[in-house]
Amino acid sequence: MADNTVPVREARAHLAEHINRAEEGTPTVITRNGAPVAAIVPITDFEALEEAADVMLAREAEAVLADGGPTVSMAELLADLFSERGEGAA
């Protein structure tokens, strides 16, 4: 993986090359101060990750419902969302 790890500055300078690598199936890990902070990955990998996260969240929600966990109506959810936005704007 060391060959596919680059600092932010190098990633900026050669972004097109790293995008081309991702298109070919090779991810690039981007580091800041030596620590990994981001990655340029093939879109198929990204889409698979998003799908897996959706499946995991759906399973967690199903488990909560199966255990008789709390539910909220859409109206309650929207009210909470808008009240949180109002608090942050003040």
Protein backbone atom coordinates (compact mmCIF):
# COMPACT_ATOMS: atom_id res chain seq x y z
CA MET A 1 0.00 0.00 0.00
CA ALA A 2 2.96 2.35 0.47
CA ASP A 3 3.14 2.93 -3.30
CA ASN A 4 -0.48 4.12 -3.21
CA THR A 5 -0.15 6.49 -0.25
CA VAL A 6 0.59 10.15 -0.90
CA PRO A 7 0.58 13.38 1.10
CA VAL A 8 -2.09 15.99 0.35
CA ARG A 9 0.35 18.23 -1.54
CA GLU A 10 1.31 15.42 -3.95
CA ALA A 11 -2.34 14.41 -4.38
CA ARG A 12 -3.21 17.99 -5.38
CA ALA A 13 -0.30 18.25 -7.78
CA HIS A 14 -1.14 14.95 -9.51
CA LEU A 15 -4.88 14.63 -8.98
CA ALA A 16 -5.59 13.53 -12.55
CA GLU A 17 -3.08 10.68 -12.22
CA HIS A 18 -4.71 9.46 -9.02
CA ILE A 19 -8.14 9.65 -10.62
CA ASN A 20 -6.85 7.62 -13.56
CA ARG A 21 -5.48 5.02 -11.13
CA ALA A 22 -8.87 4.83 -9.42
CA GLU A 23 -10.55 4.29 -12.79
CA GLU A 24 -8.15 1.40 -13.33
CA GLY A 25 -9.08 -0.09 -9.95
CA THR A 26 -6.23 1.16 -7.75
CA PRO A 27 -7.12 3.35 -4.75
CA THR A 28 -4.86 6.11 -3.45
CA VAL A 29 -4.72 6.93 0.26
CA ILE A 30 -4.08 10.59 1.03
CA THR A 31 -2.22 11.53 4.20
CA ARG A 32 -1.84 14.71 6.21
CA ASN A 33 1.10 14.88 8.59
CA GLY A 34 1.65 11.18 7.94
CA ALA A 35 -1.86 10.11 8.98
CA PRO A 36 -4.40 8.77 6.45
CA VAL A 37 -7.27 11.26 6.02
CA ALA A 38 -8.96 10.41 2.70
CA ALA A 39 -8.89 8.11 -0.28
CA ILE A 40 -9.50 8.29 -4.00
CA VAL A 41 -11.21 5.01 -4.83
CA PRO A 42 -12.88 3.44 -7.85
CA ILE A 43 -16.52 4.54 -7.99
CA THR A 44 -17.64 0.91 -7.84
CA ASP A 45 -15.85 0.53 -4.48
CA PHE A 46 -17.48 3.71 -3.18
CA GLU A 47 -20.94 2.60 -4.34
CA ALA A 48 -20.45 -0.83 -2.73
CA LEU A 49 -19.45 0.86 0.54
CA GLU A 50 -22.55 3.08 0.47
CA GLU A 51 -24.78 0.08 -0.26
CA ALA A 52 -23.22 -1.91 2.58
CA ALA A 53 -23.75 1.02 4.97
CA ASP A 54 -27.40 1.26 3.90
CA VAL A 55 -27.90 -2.47 4.50
CA MET A 56 -26.26 -2.25 7.91
CA LEU A 57 -28.41 0.72 8.95
CA ALA A 58 -31.56 -1.03 7.74
CA ARG A 59 -30.67 -4.14 9.76
CA GLU A 60 -30.05 -2.04 12.85
CA ALA A 61 -33.41 -0.30 12.40
CA GLU A 62 -35.18 -3.64 11.95
CA ALA A 63 -33.55 -4.94 15.13
CA VAL A 64 -34.71 -1.90 17.11
CA LEU A 65 -38.26 -2.35 15.82
CA ALA A 66 -38.19 -6.09 16.53
CA ASP A 67 -37.17 -5.33 20.13
CA GLY A 68 -40.09 -2.91 20.48
CA GLY A 69 -37.84 0.10 20.29
CA PRO A 70 -39.17 3.64 20.01
CA THR A 71 -40.62 4.98 16.78
CA VAL A 72 -41.49 8.50 15.69
CA SER A 73 -43.88 9.81 13.08
CA MET A 74 -42.63 11.74 10.07
CA ALA A 75 -44.17 14.89 11.55
CA GLU A 76 -42.20 14.40 14.79
CA LEU A 77 -39.00 13.76 12.84
CA LEU A 78 -39.43 16.90 10.74
CA ALA A 79 -40.32 18.99 13.79
CA ASP A 80 -37.14 17.82 15.53
CA LEU A 81 -35.02 18.52 12.46
CA PHE A 82 -36.37 22.03 12.04
CA SER A 83 -36.09 22.85 15.74
CA GLU A 84 -32.43 21.78 15.67
CA ARG A 85 -31.77 24.02 12.67
CA GLY A 86 -33.42 26.94 14.42
CA GLU A 87 -31.24 26.46 17.49
CA GLY A 88 -28.05 26.42 15.44
CA ALA A 89 -28.99 29.56 13.52
CA ALA A 90 -29.41 31.72 16.63
